[in-house]
Amino acid sequence: MDEGRMSPLDWALRPLRRYADFRGRAPRAEYWWWFLAVTVVGFAVGRVDAKLSHPVLGSYGLLGAIFTAAVVIPGVAVAVRRMHDSGRSGWWCLMKASGYFFALGGRSLASRIDTFSQLGLGLFITGFGVWLCLAIIFFVLLLAQGDQGTNRYGPDPYGPSDLEEVFA
């Protein structure tokens, strides 16, 4: 499919067609339309789950757990390809995951210590602060413009630019 003529729905569905494909590049359009679609559908599934069932896995109902399981792999894959588009390794995506461990670890330690103590509050704030910093850095990396032309991860997802065709 010609990337220059894809609709927002085409971009949003593309990560499902490339389900576990961690190779190549994903332009901003692919990542952000996917993100929007998963957010909207996830919200709708959550509302239906709240009406129909009780939590099965943490705060997730059965439909929410199934939906989340279905979109985790293509979500990670499109994030890795998004990093590739700007010439970065897909390992940068671990920054987001590690941030959750800092936040959850701080929360877990704080809950074991008297929650109202300064140490417990300090651990929670530190964990949350690290998570927030890592989330902001990852967000900025996701917003970065992709490399024009071919990079080490593959050709430009939008195809060759007019200049490349002129000087080829």
N, C-alpha and C. Protein backbone atom coordinates (compact mmCIF):
# COMPACT_ATOMS: atom_id res chain seq x y z
N MET A 1 0.85 -1.18 0.00
CA MET A 1 0.00 0.00 0.00
C MET A 1 0.89 1.24 0.00
N ASP A 2 0.54 2.22 -0.77
CA ASP A 2 1.31 3.45 -0.88
C ASP A 2 1.14 4.27 0.40
N GLU A 3 2.24 4.45 1.15
CA GLU A 3 2.19 5.15 2.44
C GLU A 3 1.71 6.59 2.30
N GLY A 4 1.97 7.22 1.16
CA GLY A 4 1.56 8.60 0.97
C GLY A 4 0.06 8.78 0.83
N ARG A 5 -0.65 7.70 0.51
CA ARG A 5 -2.09 7.80 0.29
C ARG A 5 -2.91 7.00 1.31
N MET A 6 -2.31 6.67 2.42
CA MET A 6 -3.01 5.89 3.43
C MET A 6 -3.93 6.78 4.26
N SER A 7 -5.10 6.25 4.60
CA SER A 7 -6.03 6.97 5.46
C SER A 7 -5.64 6.76 6.92
N PRO A 8 -6.18 7.56 7.83
CA PRO A 8 -5.89 7.33 9.25
C PRO A 8 -6.25 5.91 9.70
N LEU A 9 -7.34 5.36 9.18
CA LEU A 9 -7.71 3.99 9.55
C LEU A 9 -6.68 2.99 9.04
N ASP A 10 -6.17 3.21 7.83
CA ASP A 10 -5.12 2.33 7.31
C ASP A 10 -3.89 2.37 8.20
N TRP A 11 -3.49 3.57 8.62
CA TRP A 11 -2.34 3.70 9.51
C TRP A 11 -2.62 3.00 10.84
N ALA A 12 -3.82 3.16 11.38
CA ALA A 12 -4.15 2.57 12.68
C ALA A 12 -4.17 1.04 12.62
N LEU A 13 -4.54 0.48 11.49
CA LEU A 13 -4.62 -0.98 11.36
C LEU A 13 -3.29 -1.61 10.94
N ARG A 14 -2.39 -0.80 10.42
CA ARG A 14 -1.12 -1.34 9.93
C ARG A 14 -0.33 -2.12 10.99
N PRO A 15 -0.26 -1.68 12.25
CA PRO A 15 0.45 -2.49 13.25
C PRO A 15 -0.18 -3.87 13.45
N LEU A 16 -1.47 -4.00 13.25
CA LEU A 16 -2.08 -5.34 13.35
C LEU A 16 -1.67 -6.22 12.18
N ARG A 17 -1.52 -5.62 10.99
CA ARG A 17 -1.07 -6.39 9.83
C ARG A 17 0.40 -6.79 9.98
N ARG A 18 1.16 -5.98 10.71
CA ARG A 18 2.58 -6.28 10.95
C ARG A 18 2.73 -6.73 12.41
N TYR A 19 1.87 -7.61 12.87
CA TYR A 19 1.64 -7.95 14.27
C TYR A 19 2.90 -8.02 15.14
N ALA A 20 3.83 -8.87 14.81
CA ALA A 20 5.04 -9.03 15.63
C ALA A 20 6.29 -8.72 14.82
N ASP A 21 6.18 -7.77 13.91
CA ASP A 21 7.30 -7.40 13.05
C ASP A 21 8.06 -6.25 13.70
N PHE A 22 9.24 -6.57 14.21
CA PHE A 22 10.06 -5.57 14.89
C PHE A 22 11.12 -4.98 13.97
N ARG A 23 11.10 -5.38 12.71
CA ARG A 23 12.08 -4.89 11.74
C ARG A 23 11.48 -3.73 10.95
N GLY A 24 12.35 -2.89 10.42
CA GLY A 24 11.89 -1.80 9.58
C GLY A 24 11.57 -0.55 10.38
N ARG A 25 10.79 0.31 9.75
CA ARG A 25 10.53 1.63 10.31
C ARG A 25 9.02 1.92 10.32
N ALA A 26 8.61 2.72 11.28
CA ALA A 26 7.21 3.17 11.37
C ALA A 26 7.22 4.69 11.49
N PRO A 27 6.58 5.37 10.55
CA PRO A 27 6.54 6.83 10.64
C PRO A 27 5.62 7.28 11.78
N ARG A 28 5.68 8.57 12.07
CA ARG A 28 4.84 9.11 13.15
C ARG A 28 3.37 8.82 12.93
N ALA A 29 2.91 8.90 11.67
CA ALA A 29 1.49 8.67 11.38
C ALA A 29 1.06 7.28 11.84
N GLU A 30 1.87 6.28 11.55
CA GLU A 30 1.51 4.91 11.95
C GLU A 30 1.42 4.78 13.46
N TYR A 31 2.44 5.28 14.16
CA TYR A 31 2.44 5.15 15.61
C TYR A 31 1.28 5.92 16.24
N TRP A 32 1.08 7.17 15.90
CA TRP A 32 0.08 7.98 16.60
C TRP A 32 -1.35 7.62 16.22
N TRP A 33 -1.61 7.19 14.98
CA TRP A 33 -2.96 6.72 14.66
C TRP A 33 -3.24 5.41 15.39
N TRP A 34 -2.23 4.55 15.52
CA TRP A 34 -2.37 3.31 16.29
C TRP A 34 -2.68 3.65 17.75
N PHE A 35 -1.91 4.57 18.31
CA PHE A 35 -2.09 4.97 19.69
C PHE A 35 -3.51 5.49 19.94
N LEU A 36 -3.97 6.37 19.04
CA LEU A 36 -5.32 6.92 19.18
C LEU A 36 -6.38 5.82 19.09
N ALA A 37 -6.24 4.93 18.13
CA ALA A 37 -7.23 3.85 17.95
C ALA A 37 -7.26 2.93 19.16
N VAL A 38 -6.10 2.55 19.67
CA VAL A 38 -6.06 1.67 20.84
C VAL A 38 -6.64 2.37 22.07
N THR A 39 -6.38 3.66 22.22
CA THR A 39 -6.92 4.41 23.34
C THR A 39 -8.44 4.48 23.28
N VAL A 40 -8.98 4.81 22.11
CA VAL A 40 -10.43 4.94 21.96
C VAL A 40 -11.12 3.58 22.14
N VAL A 41 -10.61 2.56 21.47
CA VAL A 41 -11.21 1.23 21.59
C VAL A 41 -11.04 0.70 23.01
N GLY A 42 -9.87 0.92 23.60
CA GLY A 42 -9.65 0.48 24.97
C GLY A 42 -10.59 1.14 25.96
N PHE A 43 -10.85 2.43 25.76
CA PHE A 43 -11.80 3.13 26.63
C PHE A 43 -13.20 2.52 26.46
N ALA A 44 -13.61 2.28 25.22
CA ALA A 44 -14.93 1.69 24.98
C ALA A 44 -15.04 0.29 25.58
N VAL A 45 -13.99 -0.51 25.40
CA VAL A 45 -13.99 -1.86 25.97
C VAL A 45 -14.07 -1.79 27.49
N GLY A 46 -13.35 -0.84 28.08
CA GLY A 46 -13.38 -0.66 29.53
C GLY A 46 -14.77 -0.30 30.04
N ARG A 47 -15.46 0.55 29.29
CA ARG A 47 -16.83 0.93 29.68
C ARG A 47 -17.77 -0.27 29.60
N VAL A 48 -17.65 -1.05 28.53
CA VAL A 48 -18.48 -2.25 28.39
C VAL A 48 -18.15 -3.23 29.50
N ASP A 49 -16.86 -3.41 29.77
CA ASP A 49 -16.43 -4.31 30.84
C ASP A 49 -17.00 -3.90 32.19
N ALA A 50 -17.01 -2.61 32.46
CA ALA A 50 -17.53 -2.11 33.74
C ALA A 50 -19.00 -2.45 33.91
N LYS A 51 -19.73 -2.47 32.80
CA LYS A 51 -21.17 -2.78 32.87
C LYS A 51 -21.45 -4.28 32.93
N LEU A 52 -20.58 -5.09 32.29
CA LEU A 52 -20.88 -6.52 32.13
C LEU A 52 -20.21 -7.45 33.12
N SER A 53 -19.02 -7.10 33.57
CA SER A 53 -18.29 -8.10 34.35
C SER A 53 -17.55 -7.48 35.52
N HIS A 54 -17.04 -8.37 36.34
CA HIS A 54 -16.21 -7.97 37.48
C HIS A 54 -14.75 -8.10 37.08
N PRO A 55 -13.87 -7.40 37.76
CA PRO A 55 -12.44 -7.50 37.42
C PRO A 55 -11.94 -8.94 37.45
N VAL A 56 -11.19 -9.30 36.42
CA VAL A 56 -10.63 -10.64 36.30
C VAL A 56 -9.13 -10.61 36.56
N LEU A 57 -8.48 -9.60 36.00
CA LEU A 57 -7.03 -9.46 36.10
C LEU A 57 -6.72 -8.04 36.55
N GLY A 58 -6.46 -7.86 37.83
CA GLY A 58 -6.26 -6.52 38.37
C GLY A 58 -7.53 -5.72 38.24
N SER A 59 -7.48 -4.59 37.54
CA SER A 59 -8.68 -3.78 37.33
C SER A 59 -9.35 -4.11 36.00
N TYR A 60 -8.80 -5.05 35.24
CA TYR A 60 -9.34 -5.40 33.93
C TYR A 60 -10.45 -6.44 34.06
N GLY A 61 -11.53 -6.21 33.31
CA GLY A 61 -12.55 -7.23 33.15
C GLY A 61 -12.08 -8.20 32.07
N LEU A 62 -12.90 -9.17 31.76
CA LEU A 62 -12.51 -10.19 30.78
C LEU A 62 -12.23 -9.58 29.40
N LEU A 63 -13.12 -8.72 28.91
CA LEU A 63 -12.92 -8.10 27.60
C LEU A 63 -11.67 -7.22 27.58
N GLY A 64 -11.46 -6.46 28.63
CA GLY A 64 -10.28 -5.60 28.72
C GLY A 64 -8.99 -6.39 28.74
N ALA A 65 -8.99 -7.51 29.46
CA ALA A 65 -7.80 -8.36 29.51
C ALA A 65 -7.50 -8.96 28.14
N ILE A 66 -8.55 -9.41 27.44
CA ILE A 66 -8.36 -9.97 26.10
C ILE A 66 -7.87 -8.89 25.13
N PHE A 67 -8.48 -7.71 25.18
CA PHE A 67 -8.07 -6.62 24.30
C PHE A 67 -6.62 -6.23 24.57
N THR A 68 -6.26 -6.09 25.83
CA THR A 68 -4.90 -5.71 26.18
C THR A 68 -3.90 -6.75 25.70
N ALA A 69 -4.21 -8.02 25.91
CA ALA A 69 -3.33 -9.09 25.44
C ALA A 69 -3.17 -9.06 23.93
N ALA A 70 -4.24 -8.69 23.22
CA ALA A 70 -4.20 -8.67 21.76
C ALA A 70 -3.37 -7.51 21.21
N VAL A 71 -3.31 -6.40 21.92
CA VAL A 71 -2.62 -5.22 21.38
C VAL A 71 -1.23 -4.97 21.96
N VAL A 72 -0.81 -5.74 22.95
CA VAL A 72 0.50 -5.52 23.55
C VAL A 72 1.62 -5.76 22.54
N ILE A 73 1.62 -6.89 21.86
CA ILE A 73 2.71 -7.21 20.94
C ILE A 73 2.78 -6.24 19.77
N PRO A 74 1.66 -5.97 19.06
CA PRO A 74 1.79 -4.98 17.98
C PRO A 74 2.13 -3.58 18.50
N GLY A 75 1.72 -3.26 19.72
CA GLY A 75 2.05 -1.96 20.30
C GLY A 75 3.54 -1.81 20.56
N VAL A 76 4.15 -2.84 21.10
CA VAL A 76 5.60 -2.81 21.32
C VAL A 76 6.32 -2.80 19.98
N ALA A 77 5.84 -3.61 19.03
CA ALA A 77 6.49 -3.68 17.72
C ALA A 77 6.45 -2.33 17.00
N VAL A 78 5.31 -1.63 17.02
CA VAL A 78 5.23 -0.34 16.34
C VAL A 78 6.08 0.70 17.07
N ALA A 79 6.21 0.60 18.39
CA ALA A 79 7.09 1.52 19.12
C ALA A 79 8.56 1.27 18.76
N VAL A 80 8.94 0.01 18.62
CA VAL A 80 10.31 -0.32 18.22
C VAL A 80 10.58 0.21 16.81
N ARG A 81 9.63 -0.02 15.90
CA ARG A 81 9.81 0.49 14.53
C ARG A 81 9.82 2.02 14.51
N ARG A 82 9.09 2.64 15.43
CA ARG A 82 9.09 4.11 15.52
C ARG A 82 10.48 4.61 15.93
N MET A 83 11.11 3.92 16.88
CA MET A 83 12.48 4.27 17.26
C MET A 83 13.41 4.09 16.06
N HIS A 84 13.23 3.00 15.32
CA HIS A 84 14.05 2.76 14.13
C HIS A 84 13.92 3.88 13.11
N ASP A 85 12.74 4.47 12.99
CA ASP A 85 12.51 5.51 12.00
C ASP A 85 13.42 6.72 12.23
N SER A 86 13.76 6.98 13.48
CA SER A 86 14.64 8.11 13.77
C SER A 86 16.07 7.65 14.04
N GLY A 87 16.39 6.43 13.59
CA GLY A 87 17.76 5.93 13.68
C GLY A 87 18.16 5.40 15.04
N ARG A 88 17.21 5.19 15.93
CA ARG A 88 17.51 4.69 17.28
C ARG A 88 17.22 3.20 17.38
N SER A 89 17.91 2.56 18.28
CA SER A 89 17.68 1.15 18.54
C SER A 89 16.31 0.97 19.20
N GLY A 90 15.69 -0.17 18.95
CA GLY A 90 14.42 -0.48 19.60
C GLY A 90 14.56 -0.68 21.09
N TRP A 91 15.79 -0.87 21.56
CA TRP A 91 16.01 -1.05 23.00
C TRP A 91 15.62 0.20 23.79
N TRP A 92 15.51 1.34 23.13
CA TRP A 92 15.05 2.56 23.81
C TRP A 92 13.66 2.35 24.42
N CYS A 93 12.89 1.43 23.87
CA CYS A 93 11.54 1.17 24.39
C CYS A 93 11.58 0.61 25.81
N LEU A 94 12.70 0.02 26.19
CA LEU A 94 12.82 -0.48 27.56
C LEU A 94 12.80 0.65 28.58
N MET A 95 13.13 1.85 28.12
CA MET A 95 13.10 3.01 29.01
C MET A 95 11.69 3.17 29.57
N LYS A 96 10.68 3.00 28.75
CA LYS A 96 9.30 3.15 29.21
C LYS A 96 8.96 2.05 30.20
N ALA A 97 9.34 0.81 29.89
CA ALA A 97 9.04 -0.30 30.79
C ALA A 97 9.78 -0.15 32.11
N SER A 98 11.04 0.27 32.07
CA SER A 98 11.79 0.42 33.32
C SER A 98 11.19 1.51 34.20
N GLY A 99 10.61 2.52 33.58
CA GLY A 99 9.96 3.58 34.35
C GLY A 99 8.82 3.04 35.20
N TYR A 100 8.07 2.07 34.64
CA TYR A 100 6.99 1.47 35.42
C TYR A 100 7.53 0.71 36.62
N PHE A 101 8.68 0.05 36.46
CA PHE A 101 9.27 -0.67 37.57
C PHE A 101 9.70 0.28 38.68
N PHE A 102 10.26 1.43 38.30
CA PHE A 102 10.63 2.43 39.30
C PHE A 102 9.39 2.92 40.05
N ALA A 103 8.33 3.23 39.31
CA ALA A 103 7.11 3.74 39.94
C ALA A 103 6.46 2.68 40.82
N LEU A 104 6.33 1.47 40.29
CA LEU A 104 5.70 0.39 41.06
C LEU A 104 6.57 -0.02 42.23
N GLY A 105 7.89 -0.04 42.02
CA GLY A 105 8.80 -0.39 43.10
C GLY A 105 8.74 0.63 44.23
N GLY A 106 8.71 1.91 43.88
CA GLY A 106 8.59 2.95 44.89
C GLY A 106 7.27 2.85 45.64
N ARG A 107 6.21 2.57 44.90
CA ARG A 107 4.89 2.43 45.52
C ARG A 107 4.86 1.21 46.44
N SER A 108 5.44 0.10 45.97
CA SER A 108 5.45 -1.13 46.75
C SER A 108 6.26 -0.95 48.04
N LEU A 109 7.43 -0.36 47.92
CA LEU A 109 8.24 -0.12 49.12
C LEU A 109 7.56 0.85 50.07
N ALA A 110 6.94 1.87 49.50
CA ALA A 110 6.26 2.86 50.34
C ALA A 110 5.09 2.23 51.08
N SER A 111 4.42 1.25 50.47
CA SER A 111 3.28 0.63 51.13
C SER A 111 3.73 -0.29 52.27
N ARG A 112 4.95 -0.81 52.18
CA ARG A 112 5.46 -1.67 53.25
C ARG A 112 5.95 -0.86 54.44
N ILE A 113 6.37 0.35 54.15
CA ILE A 113 6.81 1.26 55.20
C ILE A 113 5.57 2.07 55.56
N ASP A 114 5.51 2.55 56.76
CA ASP A 114 4.38 3.38 57.16
C ASP A 114 4.17 4.47 56.10
N THR A 115 3.02 4.45 55.45
CA THR A 115 2.73 5.33 54.33
C THR A 115 2.90 6.80 54.70
N PHE A 116 2.70 7.11 55.95
CA PHE A 116 2.78 8.51 56.35
C PHE A 116 4.19 8.91 56.79
N SER A 117 5.11 7.96 56.79
CA SER A 117 6.47 8.30 57.18
C SER A 117 7.16 9.05 56.05
N GLN A 118 8.17 9.79 56.38
CA GLN A 118 8.90 10.55 55.36
C GLN A 118 9.63 9.62 54.40
N LEU A 119 10.15 8.50 54.89
CA LEU A 119 10.87 7.57 54.02
C LEU A 119 9.92 6.95 53.00
N GLY A 120 8.74 6.51 53.44
CA GLY A 120 7.76 5.93 52.52
C GLY A 120 7.31 6.92 51.47
N LEU A 121 7.05 8.13 51.89
CA LEU A 121 6.64 9.17 50.95
C LEU A 121 7.78 9.52 50.00
N GLY A 122 8.98 9.58 50.51
CA GLY A 122 10.15 9.88 49.69
C GLY A 122 10.38 8.81 48.62
N LEU A 123 10.23 7.54 49.00
CA LEU A 123 10.40 6.45 48.02
C LEU A 123 9.34 6.53 46.92
N PHE A 124 8.14 6.81 47.32
CA PHE A 124 7.06 6.92 46.34
C PHE A 124 7.31 8.08 45.39
N ILE A 125 7.66 9.23 45.92
CA ILE A 125 7.89 10.42 45.09
C ILE A 125 9.09 10.20 44.17
N THR A 126 10.15 9.57 44.67
CA THR A 126 11.32 9.28 43.84
C THR A 126 10.96 8.34 42.70
N GLY A 127 10.26 7.26 43.02
CA GLY A 127 9.85 6.31 41.98
C GLY A 127 8.96 6.97 40.94
N PHE A 128 8.02 7.78 41.39
CA PHE A 128 7.14 8.47 40.46
C PHE A 128 7.91 9.48 39.63
N GLY A 129 8.86 10.18 40.25
CA GLY A 129 9.67 11.16 39.53
C GLY A 129 10.51 10.52 38.44
N VAL A 130 11.12 9.38 38.75
CA VAL A 130 11.92 8.67 37.73
C VAL A 130 11.01 8.22 36.59
N TRP A 131 9.85 7.66 36.94
CA TRP A 131 8.90 7.22 35.91
C TRP A 131 8.49 8.39 35.02
N LEU A 132 8.18 9.52 35.63
CA LEU A 132 7.74 10.69 34.87
C LEU A 132 8.85 11.19 33.94
N CYS A 133 10.07 11.27 34.43
CA CYS A 133 11.19 11.71 33.58
C CYS A 133 11.38 10.76 32.39
N LEU A 134 11.36 9.46 32.64
CA LEU A 134 11.54 8.49 31.56
C LEU A 134 10.37 8.55 30.57
N ALA A 135 9.17 8.76 31.07
CA ALA A 135 8.00 8.86 30.19
C ALA A 135 8.11 10.09 29.30
N ILE A 136 8.57 11.20 29.83
CA ILE A 136 8.72 12.42 29.03
C ILE A 136 9.79 12.23 27.96
N ILE A 137 10.92 11.65 28.33
CA ILE A 137 11.99 11.40 27.35
C ILE A 137 11.49 10.49 26.24
N PHE A 138 10.79 9.41 26.60
CA PHE A 138 10.28 8.48 25.59
C PHE A 138 9.26 9.18 24.68
N PHE A 139 8.41 10.01 25.26
CA PHE A 139 7.43 10.76 24.48
C PHE A 139 8.11 11.66 23.46
N VAL A 140 9.16 12.35 23.89
CA VAL A 140 9.90 13.23 22.98
C VAL A 140 10.53 12.40 21.85
N LEU A 141 11.07 11.22 22.17
CA LEU A 141 11.66 10.36 21.14
C LEU A 141 10.59 9.89 20.14
N LEU A 142 9.40 9.63 20.64
CA LEU A 142 8.31 9.21 19.74
C LEU A 142 7.88 10.34 18.81
N LEU A 143 8.03 11.58 19.26
CA LEU A 143 7.66 12.74 18.45
C LEU A 143 8.71 13.12 17.42
N ALA A 144 9.93 12.61 17.60
CA ALA A 144 11.03 13.01 16.72
C ALA A 144 10.74 12.66 15.27
N GLN A 145 11.15 13.55 14.38
CA GLN A 145 10.98 13.30 12.95
C GLN A 145 11.88 12.13 12.54
N GLY A 146 11.37 11.30 11.65
CA GLY A 146 12.15 10.19 11.15
C GLY A 146 13.24 10.65 10.22
N ASP A 147 14.24 9.80 10.06
CA ASP A 147 15.33 10.10 9.13
C ASP A 147 14.79 10.11 7.71
N GLN A 148 15.21 11.09 6.94
CA GLN A 148 14.82 11.11 5.53
C GLN A 148 15.75 10.19 4.77
N GLY A 149 15.19 9.43 3.87
CA GLY A 149 15.99 8.46 3.12
C GLY A 149 16.23 7.20 3.93
N THR A 150 17.06 6.36 3.40
CA THR A 150 17.35 5.08 4.03
C THR A 150 18.26 5.28 5.24
N ASN A 151 17.97 4.57 6.32
CA ASN A 151 18.89 4.51 7.45
C ASN A 151 19.23 3.03 7.70
N ARG A 152 19.93 2.72 8.76
CA ARG A 152 20.38 1.34 8.98
C ARG A 152 19.23 0.35 9.23
N TYR A 153 18.03 0.87 9.47
CA TYR A 153 16.88 0.01 9.73
C TYR A 153 16.00 -0.21 8.51
N GLY A 154 16.29 0.49 7.44
CA GLY A 154 15.53 0.28 6.22
C GLY A 154 15.23 1.56 5.48
N PRO A 155 14.46 1.42 4.40
CA PRO A 155 14.13 2.60 3.59
C PRO A 155 13.13 3.51 4.31
N ASP A 156 13.07 4.74 3.85
CA ASP A 156 12.12 5.71 4.37
C ASP A 156 10.71 5.18 4.14
N PRO A 157 9.89 5.09 5.19
CA PRO A 157 8.53 4.56 5.02
C PRO A 157 7.66 5.38 4.08
N TYR A 158 8.01 6.65 3.88
CA TYR A 158 7.25 7.48 2.95
C TYR A 158 7.79 7.40 1.54
N GLY A 159 8.85 6.63 1.34
CA GLY A 159 9.43 6.49 0.02
C GLY A 159 10.50 7.53 -0.21
N PRO A 160 11.14 7.48 -1.37
CA PRO A 160 12.22 8.44 -1.65
C PRO A 160 11.65 9.85 -1.80
N SER A 161 12.45 10.80 -1.37
CA SER A 161 12.02 12.19 -1.52
C SER A 161 12.28 12.64 -2.95
N ASP A 162 11.71 13.77 -3.30
CA ASP A 162 11.90 14.31 -4.64
C ASP A 162 13.38 14.56 -4.93
N LEU A 163 14.14 15.01 -3.91
CA LEU A 163 15.56 15.27 -4.12
C LEU A 163 16.31 13.99 -4.43
N GLU A 164 15.97 12.89 -3.73
CA GLU A 164 16.64 11.62 -3.99
C GLU A 164 16.40 11.18 -5.41
N GLU A 165 15.19 11.37 -5.92
CA GLU A 165 14.90 10.96 -7.29
C GLU A 165 15.64 11.83 -8.30
N VAL A 166 15.81 13.12 -8.00
CA VAL A 166 16.49 14.04 -8.92
C VAL A 166 17.98 13.67 -9.01
N PHE A 167 18.61 13.38 -7.85
CA PHE A 167 20.04 13.13 -7.82
C PHE A 167 20.40 11.65 -7.91
N ALA A 168 19.45 10.80 -8.21
CA ALA A 168 19.73 9.36 -8.31
C ALA A 168 20.43 9.03 -9.61
